[in-house]
Amino acid sequence: MINSPITIVGRVCSDPLYIGKKDNSDGVLKLRIASSRSYRQGEKWHNTDQLYINVEAWGRLGINAHQSLTTGVSVIIQGMLYTNEWAVTEGDSDKLNKRQEVRMRALSIGIDLNTYRVGFVDSRPRLENVPDGVTIPEDTSSHYPNPEARHFNNSEDNGTEEGAAVGEESQLVSVGASEHTEE
């Protein structure tokens, strides 16, 4: 049986709850999403085909979503549906009653840009194990990627010796720069 990812657009309708593990490994974020189909009839909007679904986000996705989402935020979530099953005893009876719930395990969560304008912060982990002789700059995010930068390595483009190998007298020149200085 194939379980293809689905996409749900809706609003966070409960406070996101992050549950960390005791061993400090990645935990899980639990949130509830409300989604509906809206249509306009005359001057009034109506919601129909309402869906409420519990969503879980594991690992880095859960951490970032917990720091970014609050109740009411419009989101787009892609993930896999699955059925969670459990048994409970009710009252004085020893009889187990089976319960089940369809949930979504999120693969991606994004803010709906039809509703919001957002900025971002790169939260990817940095390389901690650096080989000898390699220096990694502290922060290069302010100029990477720069679509206006172009790399040249021949004489007609930057004044270096014809056929210079990469790394030899090559330089990074900003396209459209008003001044050009050579060393």
N, C-alpha and C. Protein backbone atom coordinates (compact mmCIF):
# COMPACT_ATOMS: atom_id res chain seq x y z
N MET A 1 0.84 -1.18 0.00
CA MET A 1 0.00 0.00 0.00
C MET A 1 0.89 1.24 0.00
N ILE A 2 0.61 2.17 -0.90
CA ILE A 2 1.39 3.39 -1.02
C ILE A 2 0.75 4.48 -0.17
N ASN A 3 1.57 5.16 0.61
CA ASN A 3 1.11 6.28 1.42
C ASN A 3 1.74 7.54 0.87
N SER A 4 1.02 8.21 -0.03
CA SER A 4 1.54 9.42 -0.66
C SER A 4 1.34 10.63 0.24
N PRO A 5 2.25 11.59 0.18
CA PRO A 5 2.08 12.80 0.99
C PRO A 5 0.88 13.61 0.52
N ILE A 6 0.24 14.28 1.45
CA ILE A 6 -0.86 15.18 1.12
C ILE A 6 -0.51 16.56 1.66
N THR A 7 -1.22 17.56 1.16
CA THR A 7 -1.01 18.94 1.61
C THR A 7 -2.31 19.48 2.18
N ILE A 8 -2.22 20.12 3.34
CA ILE A 8 -3.37 20.74 3.98
C ILE A 8 -3.04 22.21 4.22
N VAL A 9 -3.98 23.07 3.84
CA VAL A 9 -3.87 24.50 4.12
C VAL A 9 -4.92 24.82 5.16
N GLY A 10 -4.51 25.45 6.25
CA GLY A 10 -5.46 25.77 7.31
C GLY A 10 -4.83 26.67 8.34
N ARG A 11 -5.49 26.75 9.48
CA ARG A 11 -5.01 27.60 10.58
C ARG A 11 -4.72 26.75 11.80
N VAL A 12 -3.70 27.15 12.55
CA VAL A 12 -3.39 26.49 13.81
C VAL A 12 -4.52 26.86 14.77
N CYS A 13 -5.22 25.85 15.31
CA CYS A 13 -6.38 26.13 16.15
C CYS A 13 -6.17 25.74 17.61
N SER A 14 -4.96 25.35 17.98
CA SER A 14 -4.64 25.10 19.39
C SER A 14 -3.20 25.52 19.62
N ASP A 15 -2.87 25.82 20.86
CA ASP A 15 -1.49 26.19 21.15
C ASP A 15 -0.56 25.03 20.83
N PRO A 16 0.47 25.25 20.00
CA PRO A 16 1.43 24.18 19.72
C PRO A 16 2.11 23.72 21.00
N LEU A 17 2.23 22.41 21.18
CA LEU A 17 2.83 21.83 22.38
C LEU A 17 4.05 21.02 21.97
N TYR A 18 5.22 21.41 22.48
CA TYR A 18 6.44 20.66 22.19
C TYR A 18 6.75 19.75 23.36
N ILE A 19 6.95 18.46 23.07
CA ILE A 19 7.26 17.47 24.10
C ILE A 19 8.66 16.95 23.83
N GLY A 20 9.60 17.34 24.69
CA GLY A 20 10.98 16.89 24.55
C GLY A 20 11.17 15.56 25.24
N LYS A 21 12.23 14.85 24.86
CA LYS A 21 12.53 13.57 25.49
C LYS A 21 13.51 13.77 26.64
N LYS A 22 13.46 12.87 27.61
CA LYS A 22 14.32 12.99 28.79
C LYS A 22 15.80 12.89 28.45
N ASP A 23 16.14 12.17 27.39
CA ASP A 23 17.55 12.01 27.02
C ASP A 23 18.03 13.14 26.10
N ASN A 24 17.24 14.22 26.00
CA ASN A 24 17.56 15.40 25.19
C ASN A 24 17.66 15.12 23.69
N SER A 25 17.18 13.97 23.25
CA SER A 25 17.12 13.74 21.80
C SER A 25 15.89 14.48 21.28
N ASP A 26 15.73 14.49 19.97
CA ASP A 26 14.63 15.24 19.37
C ASP A 26 13.28 14.80 19.93
N GLY A 27 12.43 15.79 20.16
CA GLY A 27 11.08 15.53 20.63
C GLY A 27 10.08 15.70 19.51
N VAL A 28 8.83 15.95 19.89
CA VAL A 28 7.75 16.07 18.92
C VAL A 28 6.91 17.30 19.25
N LEU A 29 6.48 17.99 18.20
CA LEU A 29 5.55 19.10 18.34
C LEU A 29 4.17 18.57 17.98
N LYS A 30 3.19 18.88 18.81
CA LYS A 30 1.81 18.49 18.53
C LYS A 30 0.97 19.75 18.37
N LEU A 31 0.21 19.81 17.28
CA LEU A 31 -0.68 20.93 17.05
C LEU A 31 -1.91 20.46 16.31
N ARG A 32 -2.95 21.26 16.35
CA ARG A 32 -4.20 20.92 15.68
C ARG A 32 -4.46 21.98 14.62
N ILE A 33 -4.86 21.51 13.44
CA ILE A 33 -5.09 22.38 12.29
C ILE A 33 -6.57 22.32 11.91
N ALA A 34 -7.13 23.49 11.61
CA ALA A 34 -8.50 23.57 11.10
C ALA A 34 -8.43 24.02 9.65
N SER A 35 -9.14 23.31 8.80
CA SER A 35 -9.16 23.64 7.38
C SER A 35 -10.59 23.54 6.88
N SER A 36 -10.96 24.41 5.97
CA SER A 36 -12.30 24.35 5.40
C SER A 36 -12.29 24.95 4.00
N ARG A 37 -13.34 24.65 3.28
CA ARG A 37 -13.52 25.25 1.95
C ARG A 37 -14.42 26.46 2.14
N SER A 38 -13.96 27.60 1.65
CA SER A 38 -14.75 28.83 1.78
C SER A 38 -15.35 29.21 0.44
N TYR A 39 -16.56 29.73 0.48
CA TYR A 39 -17.18 30.24 -0.74
C TYR A 39 -17.99 31.48 -0.38
N ARG A 40 -18.18 32.31 -1.37
CA ARG A 40 -18.91 33.56 -1.17
C ARG A 40 -20.29 33.44 -1.80
N GLN A 41 -21.28 33.83 -1.04
CA GLN A 41 -22.65 33.83 -1.54
C GLN A 41 -23.21 35.22 -1.28
N GLY A 42 -23.35 35.99 -2.34
CA GLY A 42 -23.74 37.39 -2.18
C GLY A 42 -22.60 38.17 -1.55
N GLU A 43 -22.89 38.81 -0.43
CA GLU A 43 -21.88 39.58 0.29
C GLU A 43 -21.30 38.82 1.48
N LYS A 44 -21.69 37.58 1.67
CA LYS A 44 -21.29 36.83 2.86
C LYS A 44 -20.43 35.61 2.49
N TRP A 45 -19.39 35.37 3.30
CA TRP A 45 -18.53 34.20 3.13
C TRP A 45 -19.05 33.06 4.00
N HIS A 46 -18.96 31.83 3.47
CA HIS A 46 -19.39 30.64 4.19
C HIS A 46 -18.25 29.62 4.21
N ASN A 47 -18.11 28.90 5.31
CA ASN A 47 -17.14 27.80 5.41
C ASN A 47 -17.89 26.49 5.41
N THR A 48 -17.40 25.55 4.64
CA THR A 48 -18.02 24.23 4.58
C THR A 48 -16.92 23.18 4.48
N ASP A 49 -17.29 21.92 4.55
CA ASP A 49 -16.32 20.82 4.47
C ASP A 49 -15.19 21.01 5.47
N GLN A 50 -15.54 21.25 6.72
CA GLN A 50 -14.54 21.52 7.74
C GLN A 50 -13.77 20.26 8.11
N LEU A 51 -12.47 20.44 8.31
CA LEU A 51 -11.59 19.35 8.72
C LEU A 51 -10.73 19.83 9.88
N TYR A 52 -10.70 19.05 10.94
CA TYR A 52 -9.79 19.29 12.06
C TYR A 52 -8.89 18.08 12.14
N ILE A 53 -7.59 18.32 12.17
CA ILE A 53 -6.67 17.19 12.21
C ILE A 53 -5.50 17.49 13.14
N ASN A 54 -5.12 16.47 13.91
CA ASN A 54 -3.95 16.59 14.78
C ASN A 54 -2.70 16.30 13.96
N VAL A 55 -1.71 17.17 14.12
CA VAL A 55 -0.47 17.08 13.35
C VAL A 55 0.69 16.94 14.33
N GLU A 56 1.64 16.10 13.96
CA GLU A 56 2.87 16.00 14.76
C GLU A 56 4.06 16.28 13.85
N ALA A 57 5.04 16.98 14.42
CA ALA A 57 6.27 17.31 13.69
C ALA A 57 7.44 16.91 14.56
N TRP A 58 8.31 16.08 14.03
CA TRP A 58 9.43 15.53 14.79
C TRP A 58 10.72 16.27 14.48
N GLY A 59 11.66 16.21 15.40
CA GLY A 59 13.02 16.69 15.18
C GLY A 59 13.11 18.19 14.97
N ARG A 60 14.02 18.59 14.07
CA ARG A 60 14.27 20.00 13.79
C ARG A 60 13.01 20.70 13.31
N LEU A 61 12.18 20.03 12.52
CA LEU A 61 10.93 20.62 12.05
C LEU A 61 10.04 21.00 13.23
N GLY A 62 9.94 20.12 14.21
CA GLY A 62 9.13 20.40 15.39
C GLY A 62 9.66 21.57 16.20
N ILE A 63 10.97 21.63 16.36
CA ILE A 63 11.59 22.72 17.12
C ILE A 63 11.34 24.06 16.42
N ASN A 64 11.62 24.12 15.12
CA ASN A 64 11.43 25.37 14.37
C ASN A 64 9.97 25.79 14.33
N ALA A 65 9.07 24.83 14.12
CA ALA A 65 7.64 25.16 14.08
C ALA A 65 7.16 25.67 15.44
N HIS A 66 7.65 25.07 16.51
CA HIS A 66 7.25 25.51 17.85
C HIS A 66 7.69 26.96 18.10
N GLN A 67 8.85 27.33 17.60
CA GLN A 67 9.36 28.69 17.78
C GLN A 67 8.69 29.69 16.84
N SER A 68 7.99 29.21 15.81
CA SER A 68 7.45 30.09 14.78
C SER A 68 5.93 30.21 14.78
N LEU A 69 5.22 29.23 15.29
CA LEU A 69 3.76 29.18 15.14
C LEU A 69 3.03 29.52 16.43
N THR A 70 1.88 30.17 16.27
CA THR A 70 0.97 30.42 17.38
C THR A 70 -0.45 30.15 16.88
N THR A 71 -1.38 30.12 17.80
CA THR A 71 -2.78 29.90 17.44
C THR A 71 -3.24 30.97 16.45
N GLY A 72 -3.93 30.54 15.40
CA GLY A 72 -4.48 31.46 14.41
C GLY A 72 -3.63 31.65 13.17
N VAL A 73 -2.38 31.22 13.19
CA VAL A 73 -1.49 31.40 12.04
C VAL A 73 -1.93 30.49 10.90
N SER A 74 -1.97 31.04 9.69
CA SER A 74 -2.33 30.27 8.50
C SER A 74 -1.09 29.53 8.00
N VAL A 75 -1.22 28.21 7.83
CA VAL A 75 -0.07 27.37 7.46
C VAL A 75 -0.40 26.46 6.28
N ILE A 76 0.66 25.98 5.66
CA ILE A 76 0.57 24.95 4.62
C ILE A 76 1.43 23.80 5.13
N ILE A 77 0.82 22.62 5.29
CA ILE A 77 1.53 21.47 5.84
C ILE A 77 1.47 20.32 4.85
N GLN A 78 2.64 19.75 4.57
CA GLN A 78 2.71 18.54 3.75
C GLN A 78 3.15 17.41 4.66
N GLY A 79 2.47 16.27 4.52
CA GLY A 79 2.83 15.14 5.37
C GLY A 79 2.07 13.88 4.99
N MET A 80 2.22 12.89 5.85
CA MET A 80 1.61 11.58 5.63
C MET A 80 0.51 11.35 6.66
N LEU A 81 -0.60 10.82 6.20
CA LEU A 81 -1.68 10.46 7.11
C LEU A 81 -1.44 9.06 7.63
N TYR A 82 -1.80 8.83 8.89
CA TYR A 82 -1.75 7.49 9.46
C TYR A 82 -2.82 7.39 10.53
N THR A 83 -3.16 6.16 10.88
CA THR A 83 -4.17 5.92 11.91
C THR A 83 -3.48 5.52 13.20
N ASN A 84 -3.75 6.28 14.26
CA ASN A 84 -3.24 5.96 15.59
C ASN A 84 -4.33 5.15 16.30
N GLU A 85 -3.96 4.00 16.84
CA GLU A 85 -4.93 3.13 17.52
C GLU A 85 -4.49 2.88 18.95
N TRP A 86 -5.46 2.81 19.87
CA TRP A 86 -5.19 2.50 21.26
C TRP A 86 -6.44 1.90 21.89
N ALA A 87 -6.29 1.39 23.09
CA ALA A 87 -7.41 0.79 23.81
C ALA A 87 -7.51 1.42 25.19
N VAL A 88 -8.74 1.64 25.64
CA VAL A 88 -8.99 2.23 26.96
C VAL A 88 -10.06 1.42 27.69
N THR A 89 -10.00 1.49 29.01
CA THR A 89 -11.08 0.91 29.81
C THR A 89 -11.93 2.06 30.32
N GLU A 90 -13.24 1.89 30.29
CA GLU A 90 -14.14 2.95 30.72
C GLU A 90 -14.98 2.47 31.90
N GLY A 91 -15.08 3.32 32.90
CA GLY A 91 -15.89 3.00 34.06
C GLY A 91 -15.32 1.84 34.85
N ASP A 92 -16.21 1.02 35.44
CA ASP A 92 -15.81 -0.12 36.26
C ASP A 92 -15.56 -1.37 35.43
N SER A 93 -15.78 -1.29 34.16
CA SER A 93 -15.64 -2.45 33.28
C SER A 93 -14.16 -2.74 33.00
N ASP A 94 -13.84 -4.02 32.90
CA ASP A 94 -12.49 -4.43 32.52
C ASP A 94 -12.36 -4.58 31.00
N LYS A 95 -13.45 -4.31 30.32
CA LYS A 95 -13.47 -4.46 28.87
C LYS A 95 -12.67 -3.33 28.21
N LEU A 96 -11.79 -3.71 27.28
CA LEU A 96 -11.01 -2.73 26.53
C LEU A 96 -11.82 -2.23 25.34
N ASN A 97 -11.93 -0.94 25.22
CA ASN A 97 -12.61 -0.32 24.09
C ASN A 97 -11.55 0.26 23.15
N LYS A 98 -11.61 -0.14 21.90
CA LYS A 98 -10.63 0.33 20.93
C LYS A 98 -11.01 1.72 20.44
N ARG A 99 -9.99 2.54 20.30
CA ARG A 99 -10.14 3.89 19.77
C ARG A 99 -9.15 4.06 18.63
N GLN A 100 -9.48 4.98 17.73
CA GLN A 100 -8.55 5.30 16.65
C GLN A 100 -8.75 6.74 16.21
N GLU A 101 -7.71 7.29 15.63
CA GLU A 101 -7.73 8.67 15.19
C GLU A 101 -6.78 8.80 13.99
N VAL A 102 -7.23 9.51 12.96
CA VAL A 102 -6.36 9.79 11.82
C VAL A 102 -5.51 11.01 12.19
N ARG A 103 -4.20 10.89 12.02
CA ARG A 103 -3.26 11.96 12.31
C ARG A 103 -2.40 12.23 11.08
N MET A 104 -1.69 13.34 11.14
CA MET A 104 -0.77 13.68 10.07
C MET A 104 0.63 13.83 10.66
N ARG A 105 1.60 13.15 10.06
CA ARG A 105 3.00 13.31 10.43
C ARG A 105 3.61 14.28 9.41
N ALA A 106 3.93 15.49 9.86
CA ALA A 106 4.38 16.56 8.97
C ALA A 106 5.78 16.28 8.41
N LEU A 107 5.94 16.52 7.13
CA LEU A 107 7.24 16.49 6.47
C LEU A 107 7.76 17.92 6.26
N SER A 108 6.83 18.85 6.03
CA SER A 108 7.16 20.27 5.83
C SER A 108 6.03 21.12 6.39
N ILE A 109 6.39 22.24 6.98
CA ILE A 109 5.41 23.20 7.46
C ILE A 109 5.86 24.58 7.00
N GLY A 110 4.94 25.32 6.40
CA GLY A 110 5.27 26.67 5.96
C GLY A 110 4.17 27.65 6.32
N ILE A 111 4.55 28.90 6.48
CA ILE A 111 3.59 29.97 6.71
C ILE A 111 2.94 30.28 5.37
N ASP A 112 1.62 30.48 5.35
CA ASP A 112 0.88 30.76 4.12
C ASP A 112 1.17 32.20 3.69
N LEU A 113 1.91 32.36 2.59
CA LEU A 113 2.30 33.68 2.12
C LEU A 113 1.17 34.44 1.45
N ASN A 114 0.00 33.81 1.28
CA ASN A 114 -1.19 34.55 0.86
C ASN A 114 -1.68 35.45 1.99
N THR A 115 -1.30 35.12 3.20
CA THR A 115 -1.78 35.83 4.39
C THR A 115 -0.71 36.67 5.05
N TYR A 116 0.55 36.22 5.01
CA TYR A 116 1.63 36.87 5.75
C TYR A 116 2.82 37.18 4.86
N ARG A 117 3.62 38.15 5.29
CA ARG A 117 4.93 38.43 4.72
C ARG A 117 5.92 38.09 5.83
N VAL A 118 6.90 37.24 5.55
CA VAL A 118 7.78 36.74 6.61
C VAL A 118 9.25 36.91 6.25
N GLY A 119 10.09 36.87 7.27
CA GLY A 119 11.53 36.79 7.11
C GLY A 119 11.96 35.40 7.55
N PHE A 120 13.26 35.11 7.52
CA PHE A 120 13.69 33.79 7.95
C PHE A 120 15.08 33.86 8.57
N VAL A 121 15.38 32.86 9.36
CA VAL A 121 16.68 32.68 9.99
C VAL A 121 17.11 31.25 9.70
N ASP A 122 18.33 31.07 9.21
CA ASP A 122 18.85 29.73 8.92
C ASP A 122 19.12 29.01 10.23
N SER A 123 18.46 27.88 10.44
CA SER A 123 18.61 27.15 11.71
C SER A 123 19.34 25.82 11.53
N ARG A 124 19.91 25.62 10.34
CA ARG A 124 20.63 24.37 10.13
C ARG A 124 21.83 24.29 11.06
N PRO A 125 22.12 23.09 11.58
CA PRO A 125 23.27 22.96 12.47
C PRO A 125 24.57 23.25 11.73
N ARG A 126 25.49 23.88 12.41
CA ARG A 126 26.80 24.18 11.83
C ARG A 126 27.71 22.97 11.97
N LEU A 127 28.67 22.87 11.05
CA LEU A 127 29.64 21.79 11.08
C LEU A 127 30.56 21.97 12.28
N GLU A 128 30.53 21.03 13.20
CA GLU A 128 31.36 21.12 14.40
C GLU A 128 32.70 20.42 14.22
N ASN A 129 32.75 19.44 13.35
CA ASN A 129 33.95 18.64 13.15
C ASN A 129 34.68 19.17 11.91
N VAL A 130 35.58 20.13 12.09
CA VAL A 130 36.27 20.78 10.99
C VAL A 130 37.63 20.13 10.78
N PRO A 131 37.94 19.68 9.54
CA PRO A 131 39.25 19.08 9.26
C PRO A 131 40.38 20.09 9.47
N ASP A 132 41.58 19.60 9.78
CA ASP A 132 42.75 20.46 9.97
C ASP A 132 43.02 21.28 8.72
N GLY A 133 43.34 22.54 8.92
CA GLY A 133 43.69 23.41 7.81
C GLY A 133 42.50 24.07 7.14
N VAL A 134 41.27 23.78 7.58
CA VAL A 134 40.08 24.37 6.98
C VAL A 134 39.50 25.38 7.96
N THR A 135 39.25 26.58 7.47
CA THR A 135 38.64 27.62 8.30
C THR A 135 37.25 27.91 7.76
N ILE A 136 36.27 27.86 8.64
CA ILE A 136 34.89 28.18 8.25
C ILE A 136 34.56 29.54 8.85
N PRO A 137 34.15 30.51 8.00
CA PRO A 137 33.81 31.82 8.53
C PRO A 137 32.59 31.73 9.45
N GLU A 138 32.52 32.66 10.40
CA GLU A 138 31.43 32.65 11.38
C GLU A 138 30.07 32.80 10.72
N ASP A 139 29.90 33.84 9.88
CA ASP A 139 28.60 34.06 9.28
C ASP A 139 28.76 34.61 7.88
N THR A 140 28.37 33.82 6.90
CA THR A 140 28.43 34.28 5.52
C THR A 140 27.03 34.44 4.94
N SER A 141 26.01 34.30 5.76
CA SER A 141 24.65 34.32 5.25
C SER A 141 24.23 35.67 4.69
N SER A 142 24.89 36.76 5.11
CA SER A 142 24.47 38.08 4.63
C SER A 142 24.79 38.29 3.15
N HIS A 143 25.73 37.55 2.60
CA HIS A 143 26.05 37.73 1.19
C HIS A 143 25.95 36.44 0.37
N TYR A 144 25.35 35.42 0.90
CA TYR A 144 25.21 34.17 0.16
C TYR A 144 23.76 33.74 0.15
N PRO A 145 23.18 33.33 -0.93
CA PRO A 145 23.70 33.47 -2.28
C PRO A 145 23.49 34.90 -2.77
N ASN A 146 24.42 35.40 -3.55
CA ASN A 146 24.34 36.74 -4.10
C ASN A 146 24.17 36.62 -5.60
N PRO A 147 22.97 36.84 -6.12
CA PRO A 147 22.75 36.66 -7.56
C PRO A 147 23.48 37.70 -8.40
N GLU A 148 23.96 38.78 -7.77
CA GLU A 148 24.66 39.81 -8.53
C GLU A 148 26.16 39.57 -8.62
N ALA A 149 26.67 38.54 -7.96
CA ALA A 149 28.11 38.26 -7.99
C ALA A 149 28.42 37.31 -9.14
N ARG A 150 29.56 37.55 -9.79
CA ARG A 150 29.97 36.70 -10.90
C ARG A 150 31.46 36.42 -10.74
N HIS A 151 31.88 35.20 -11.01
CA HIS A 151 33.28 34.82 -10.86
C HIS A 151 33.94 34.80 -12.24
N PHE A 152 35.05 35.54 -12.37
CA PHE A 152 35.79 35.59 -13.63
C PHE A 152 37.17 35.03 -13.41
N ASN A 153 37.75 34.41 -14.45
CA ASN A 153 39.14 33.98 -14.33
C ASN A 153 39.88 34.04 -15.66
N ASN A 154 39.52 34.98 -16.53
CA ASN A 154 40.34 35.18 -17.71
C ASN A 154 40.61 36.66 -17.92
N SER A 155 41.58 36.99 -18.78
CA SER A 155 42.08 38.36 -18.89
C SER A 155 41.05 39.35 -19.41
N GLU A 156 40.18 38.95 -20.31
CA GLU A 156 39.25 39.93 -20.86
C GLU A 156 38.17 40.33 -19.85
N ASP A 157 37.94 39.50 -18.85
CA ASP A 157 36.90 39.82 -17.87
C ASP A 157 37.43 40.56 -16.66
N ASN A 158 38.64 40.21 -16.18
CA ASN A 158 39.10 40.83 -14.93
C ASN A 158 40.57 41.26 -14.95
N GLY A 159 41.22 41.20 -16.06
CA GLY A 159 42.58 41.67 -16.14
C GLY A 159 43.62 40.69 -15.65
N THR A 160 43.26 39.45 -15.38
CA THR A 160 44.24 38.48 -14.94
C THR A 160 44.89 37.83 -16.14
N GLU A 161 45.95 37.10 -15.91
CA GLU A 161 46.68 36.43 -16.97
C GLU A 161 45.78 35.43 -17.68
N GLU A 162 45.87 35.39 -19.01
CA GLU A 162 45.04 34.50 -19.82
C GLU A 162 45.20 33.06 -19.36
N GLY A 163 44.08 32.37 -19.17
CA GLY A 163 44.11 30.96 -18.82
C GLY A 163 44.46 30.71 -17.37
N ALA A 164 44.31 31.68 -16.50
CA ALA A 164 44.64 31.48 -15.08
C ALA A 164 43.77 30.37 -14.52
N ALA A 165 44.39 29.51 -13.74
CA ALA A 165 43.65 28.41 -13.13
C ALA A 165 42.77 28.95 -12.02
N VAL A 166 41.75 28.20 -11.70
CA VAL A 166 40.88 28.59 -10.60
C VAL A 166 41.72 28.71 -9.35
N GLY A 167 41.55 29.82 -8.63
CA GLY A 167 42.33 30.05 -7.43
C GLY A 167 43.55 30.92 -7.69
N GLU A 168 43.98 31.08 -8.96
CA GLU A 168 45.11 31.93 -9.30
C GLU A 168 44.60 33.28 -9.78
N GLU A 169 44.87 34.32 -9.04
CA GLU A 169 44.52 35.67 -9.42
C GLU A 169 43.07 35.81 -9.90
N SER A 170 42.20 34.94 -9.47
CA SER A 170 40.80 35.12 -9.82
C SER A 170 40.15 35.96 -8.74
N GLN A 171 39.12 36.66 -9.10
CA GLN A 171 38.48 37.53 -8.12
C GLN A 171 36.97 37.49 -8.28
N LEU A 172 36.29 37.98 -7.27
CA LEU A 172 34.84 38.06 -7.29
C LEU A 172 34.48 39.50 -7.58
N VAL A 173 33.75 39.72 -8.67
CA VAL A 173 33.41 41.07 -9.09
C VAL A 173 31.90 41.21 -9.03
N SER A 174 31.43 42.29 -8.46
CA SER A 174 30.00 42.53 -8.38
C SER A 174 29.54 43.10 -9.71
N VAL A 175 28.53 42.52 -10.31
CA VAL A 175 28.00 42.97 -11.59
C VAL A 175 27.34 44.33 -11.39
N GLY A 176 27.61 45.26 -12.27
CA GLY A 176 27.00 46.58 -12.19
C GLY A 176 27.68 47.50 -11.20
N ALA A 177 28.84 47.12 -10.70
CA ALA A 177 29.55 47.97 -9.75
C ALA A 177 30.05 49.22 -10.47
N SER A 178 29.96 50.38 -9.80
CA SER A 178 30.37 51.63 -10.45
C SER A 178 31.88 51.80 -10.44
N GLU A 179 32.55 51.19 -9.47
CA GLU A 179 34.00 51.29 -9.41
C GLU A 179 34.61 49.90 -9.45
N HIS A 180 35.80 49.80 -10.04
CA HIS A 180 36.49 48.51 -10.09
C HIS A 180 37.93 48.77 -9.70
N THR A 181 38.38 48.13 -8.63
CA THR A 181 39.77 48.30 -8.21
C THR A 181 40.49 46.98 -8.37
N GLU A 182 41.74 47.07 -8.83
CA GLU A 182 42.55 45.87 -8.97
C GLU A 182 43.71 45.95 -8.01
N GLU A 183 44.15 44.81 -7.52
CA GLU A 183 45.30 44.76 -6.62
C GLU A 183 46.55 44.49 -7.39
